[in-house]
Amino acid sequence: MIKKSRLFGDKTRVTFCLPGDEPAGRVSVVGTFNGWEPGTHELKPRRDGTRTVSVPLGPGHYAFRYLASDGVWLDDPDGSELRL
């Protein structure tokens, strides 16, 4: 799931969210906004049982996917692209 909230100026906070139990281990969101670099934006566990990470992004078109620590790629149910 993806949530967007407007920040100051032209920035938008994009929060990426996955269930806390699947997949096991560490999961990062990787995409054109971070050079597809694992570990840069790692999802952290929350009290509600989910894992999230928030990334401030400027206007643009971004592709992304989730990457688990075991090398498994995951897609977000909301899609794999953002247009801000």
N, C-alpha and C. Protein backbone atom coordinates (compact mmCIF):
# COMPACT_ATOMS: atom_id res chain seq x y z
N MET A 1 0.85 -1.17 0.00
CA MET A 1 0.00 0.00 0.00
C MET A 1 0.90 1.24 0.00
N ILE A 2 0.44 2.26 -0.67
CA ILE A 2 1.18 3.52 -0.76
C ILE A 2 0.30 4.65 -0.25
N LYS A 3 0.88 5.48 0.62
CA LYS A 3 0.18 6.68 1.09
C LYS A 3 1.01 7.89 0.70
N LYS A 4 0.34 8.95 0.29
CA LYS A 4 1.03 10.18 -0.09
C LYS A 4 0.52 11.33 0.76
N SER A 5 1.44 12.17 1.23
CA SER A 5 1.04 13.39 1.93
C SER A 5 1.96 14.52 1.51
N ARG A 6 1.37 15.65 1.29
CA ARG A 6 2.08 16.82 0.78
C ARG A 6 2.97 17.41 1.86
N LEU A 7 4.20 17.75 1.51
CA LEU A 7 5.12 18.44 2.40
C LEU A 7 5.27 19.87 1.93
N PHE A 8 6.17 20.62 2.53
CA PHE A 8 6.42 21.99 2.12
C PHE A 8 7.05 22.03 0.74
N GLY A 9 6.79 23.11 0.02
CA GLY A 9 7.35 23.26 -1.32
C GLY A 9 6.75 22.25 -2.28
N ASP A 10 7.60 21.66 -3.09
CA ASP A 10 7.10 20.73 -4.10
C ASP A 10 7.30 19.27 -3.70
N LYS A 11 7.61 19.01 -2.43
CA LYS A 11 7.88 17.64 -1.97
C LYS A 11 6.60 16.93 -1.53
N THR A 12 6.61 15.61 -1.71
CA THR A 12 5.55 14.74 -1.24
C THR A 12 6.17 13.62 -0.43
N ARG A 13 5.60 13.33 0.74
CA ARG A 13 6.05 12.19 1.53
C ARG A 13 5.29 10.97 1.02
N VAL A 14 6.03 9.99 0.54
CA VAL A 14 5.44 8.75 0.06
C VAL A 14 5.78 7.67 1.09
N THR A 15 4.75 7.04 1.66
CA THR A 15 4.95 5.98 2.64
C THR A 15 4.61 4.65 1.99
N PHE A 16 5.58 3.76 1.99
CA PHE A 16 5.43 2.42 1.44
C PHE A 16 5.13 1.48 2.60
N CYS A 17 4.15 0.59 2.43
CA CYS A 17 3.68 -0.24 3.53
C CYS A 17 3.45 -1.68 3.06
N LEU A 18 3.94 -2.64 3.84
CA LEU A 18 3.73 -4.07 3.59
C LEU A 18 3.29 -4.74 4.88
N PRO A 19 2.62 -5.91 4.79
CA PRO A 19 2.33 -6.67 6.00
C PRO A 19 3.62 -7.02 6.73
N GLY A 20 3.56 -7.12 8.04
CA GLY A 20 4.75 -7.37 8.83
C GLY A 20 5.30 -8.77 8.75
N ASP A 21 4.48 -9.73 8.33
CA ASP A 21 4.92 -11.12 8.40
C ASP A 21 5.39 -11.71 7.07
N GLU A 22 5.11 -11.08 5.97
CA GLU A 22 5.53 -11.61 4.67
C GLU A 22 6.15 -10.53 3.83
N PRO A 23 7.26 -10.77 3.25
CA PRO A 23 8.12 -11.94 3.45
C PRO A 23 8.92 -11.80 4.74
N ALA A 24 9.47 -12.91 5.19
CA ALA A 24 10.31 -12.89 6.39
C ALA A 24 11.61 -12.16 6.09
N GLY A 25 12.21 -11.60 7.11
CA GLY A 25 13.49 -10.92 6.94
C GLY A 25 13.34 -9.47 6.53
N ARG A 26 14.46 -8.88 6.18
CA ARG A 26 14.49 -7.47 5.81
C ARG A 26 13.92 -7.26 4.41
N VAL A 27 13.25 -6.11 4.25
CA VAL A 27 12.70 -5.73 2.95
C VAL A 27 13.00 -4.25 2.72
N SER A 28 13.45 -3.93 1.53
CA SER A 28 13.72 -2.54 1.14
C SER A 28 12.82 -2.17 -0.02
N VAL A 29 12.48 -0.89 -0.10
CA VAL A 29 11.86 -0.39 -1.32
C VAL A 29 13.00 0.19 -2.15
N VAL A 30 13.08 -0.24 -3.39
CA VAL A 30 14.14 0.21 -4.29
C VAL A 30 13.49 0.74 -5.55
N GLY A 31 14.12 1.72 -6.16
CA GLY A 31 13.53 2.29 -7.37
C GLY A 31 14.40 3.37 -7.97
N THR A 32 13.83 4.06 -8.91
CA THR A 32 14.56 5.10 -9.62
C THR A 32 14.93 6.26 -8.70
N PHE A 33 14.23 6.43 -7.58
CA PHE A 33 14.51 7.52 -6.64
C PHE A 33 15.72 7.24 -5.76
N ASN A 34 16.20 5.99 -5.70
CA ASN A 34 17.39 5.68 -4.89
C ASN A 34 18.41 4.82 -5.64
N GLY A 35 18.35 4.85 -6.96
CA GLY A 35 19.32 4.10 -7.76
C GLY A 35 19.17 2.60 -7.65
N TRP A 36 17.98 2.13 -7.25
CA TRP A 36 17.71 0.70 -7.08
C TRP A 36 18.66 0.06 -6.07
N GLU A 37 19.03 0.84 -5.05
CA GLU A 37 20.01 0.39 -4.06
C GLU A 37 19.33 -0.23 -2.84
N PRO A 38 19.46 -1.55 -2.62
CA PRO A 38 18.87 -2.20 -1.44
C PRO A 38 19.46 -1.63 -0.15
N GLY A 39 18.63 -1.55 0.88
CA GLY A 39 19.07 -1.08 2.19
C GLY A 39 18.98 0.42 2.39
N THR A 40 18.87 1.18 1.31
CA THR A 40 18.77 2.63 1.44
C THR A 40 17.46 3.03 2.12
N HIS A 41 16.37 2.37 1.75
CA HIS A 41 15.06 2.64 2.34
C HIS A 41 14.45 1.32 2.80
N GLU A 42 14.90 0.87 3.97
CA GLU A 42 14.43 -0.39 4.53
C GLU A 42 13.14 -0.17 5.31
N LEU A 43 12.17 -1.06 5.11
CA LEU A 43 10.91 -0.98 5.83
C LEU A 43 11.12 -1.42 7.27
N LYS A 44 10.53 -0.67 8.21
CA LYS A 44 10.68 -0.94 9.64
C LYS A 44 9.34 -1.39 10.22
N PRO A 45 9.37 -2.32 11.20
CA PRO A 45 8.13 -2.80 11.81
C PRO A 45 7.41 -1.72 12.61
N ARG A 46 6.09 -1.76 12.56
CA ARG A 46 5.23 -0.83 13.30
C ARG A 46 4.35 -1.62 14.27
N ARG A 47 3.79 -0.94 15.24
CA ARG A 47 2.93 -1.58 16.25
C ARG A 47 1.69 -2.21 15.65
N ASP A 48 1.22 -1.68 14.53
CA ASP A 48 -0.01 -2.21 13.93
C ASP A 48 0.21 -3.48 13.11
N GLY A 49 1.44 -4.02 13.13
CA GLY A 49 1.72 -5.26 12.42
C GLY A 49 2.19 -5.08 10.99
N THR A 50 2.38 -3.85 10.57
CA THR A 50 2.87 -3.59 9.22
C THR A 50 4.34 -3.19 9.28
N ARG A 51 4.94 -3.05 8.11
CA ARG A 51 6.29 -2.48 7.98
C ARG A 51 6.18 -1.32 7.01
N THR A 52 6.82 -0.21 7.35
CA THR A 52 6.73 0.98 6.50
C THR A 52 8.07 1.70 6.40
N VAL A 53 8.16 2.51 5.37
CA VAL A 53 9.24 3.49 5.24
C VAL A 53 8.67 4.67 4.48
N SER A 54 9.04 5.88 4.88
CA SER A 54 8.59 7.09 4.20
C SER A 54 9.76 7.74 3.48
N VAL A 55 9.49 8.19 2.26
CA VAL A 55 10.53 8.78 1.42
C VAL A 55 10.00 10.12 0.89
N PRO A 56 10.70 11.23 1.13
CA PRO A 56 10.28 12.51 0.53
C PRO A 56 10.75 12.57 -0.92
N LEU A 57 9.83 12.86 -1.82
CA LEU A 57 10.15 12.89 -3.25
C LEU A 57 9.64 14.17 -3.89
N GLY A 58 10.37 14.66 -4.85
CA GLY A 58 9.94 15.80 -5.64
C GLY A 58 9.07 15.36 -6.80
N PRO A 59 8.57 16.30 -7.58
CA PRO A 59 7.74 15.95 -8.72
C PRO A 59 8.50 15.05 -9.69
N GLY A 60 7.79 14.13 -10.29
CA GLY A 60 8.42 13.25 -11.27
C GLY A 60 7.69 11.94 -11.41
N HIS A 61 8.29 11.08 -12.20
CA HIS A 61 7.76 9.75 -12.47
C HIS A 61 8.78 8.75 -11.93
N TYR A 62 8.34 7.85 -11.06
CA TYR A 62 9.24 6.93 -10.39
C TYR A 62 8.75 5.49 -10.56
N ALA A 63 9.69 4.59 -10.82
CA ALA A 63 9.43 3.16 -10.81
C ALA A 63 10.01 2.60 -9.52
N PHE A 64 9.38 1.56 -8.96
CA PHE A 64 9.87 0.97 -7.72
C PHE A 64 9.37 -0.46 -7.59
N ARG A 65 10.05 -1.21 -6.74
CA ARG A 65 9.62 -2.55 -6.31
C ARG A 65 10.18 -2.77 -4.91
N TYR A 66 9.71 -3.82 -4.27
CA TYR A 66 10.26 -4.23 -2.97
C TYR A 66 11.25 -5.37 -3.20
N LEU A 67 12.32 -5.37 -2.42
CA LEU A 67 13.33 -6.42 -2.52
C LEU A 67 13.58 -7.00 -1.13
N ALA A 68 13.31 -8.30 -0.97
CA ALA A 68 13.54 -8.98 0.30
C ALA A 68 15.01 -9.38 0.41
N SER A 69 15.45 -9.62 1.63
CA SER A 69 16.86 -9.93 1.88
C SER A 69 17.31 -11.23 1.20
N ASP A 70 16.36 -12.11 0.88
CA ASP A 70 16.72 -13.36 0.20
C ASP A 70 16.72 -13.21 -1.32
N GLY A 71 16.60 -11.97 -1.80
CA GLY A 71 16.66 -11.72 -3.24
C GLY A 71 15.33 -11.82 -3.96
N VAL A 72 14.24 -12.02 -3.23
CA VAL A 72 12.91 -12.13 -3.83
C VAL A 72 12.35 -10.73 -4.08
N TRP A 73 11.89 -10.49 -5.31
CA TRP A 73 11.25 -9.22 -5.67
C TRP A 73 9.76 -9.31 -5.41
N LEU A 74 9.18 -8.21 -4.91
CA LEU A 74 7.75 -8.13 -4.62
C LEU A 74 7.17 -6.89 -5.26
N ASP A 75 5.92 -6.99 -5.69
CA ASP A 75 5.22 -5.84 -6.25
C ASP A 75 4.21 -5.31 -5.25
N ASP A 76 3.97 -4.01 -5.29
CA ASP A 76 2.96 -3.39 -4.45
C ASP A 76 1.60 -3.58 -5.12
N PRO A 77 0.56 -3.89 -4.34
CA PRO A 77 -0.78 -4.05 -4.93
C PRO A 77 -1.28 -2.78 -5.62
N ASP A 78 -0.73 -1.61 -5.25
CA ASP A 78 -1.15 -0.35 -5.86
C ASP A 78 -0.40 -0.06 -7.16
N GLY A 79 0.54 -0.93 -7.55
CA GLY A 79 1.29 -0.73 -8.79
C GLY A 79 2.77 -0.57 -8.53
N SER A 80 3.54 -0.39 -9.59
CA SER A 80 4.99 -0.29 -9.45
C SER A 80 5.53 1.04 -9.98
N GLU A 81 4.63 2.02 -10.13
CA GLU A 81 5.04 3.35 -10.60
C GLU A 81 4.31 4.42 -9.81
N LEU A 82 4.99 5.55 -9.65
CA LEU A 82 4.42 6.73 -9.01
C LEU A 82 4.57 7.91 -9.94
N ARG A 83 3.57 8.74 -9.99
CA ARG A 83 3.67 10.01 -10.71
C ARG A 83 3.27 11.10 -9.72
N LEU A 84 4.22 11.97 -9.41
CA LEU A 84 3.98 13.04 -8.43
C LEU A 84 4.05 14.39 -9.10
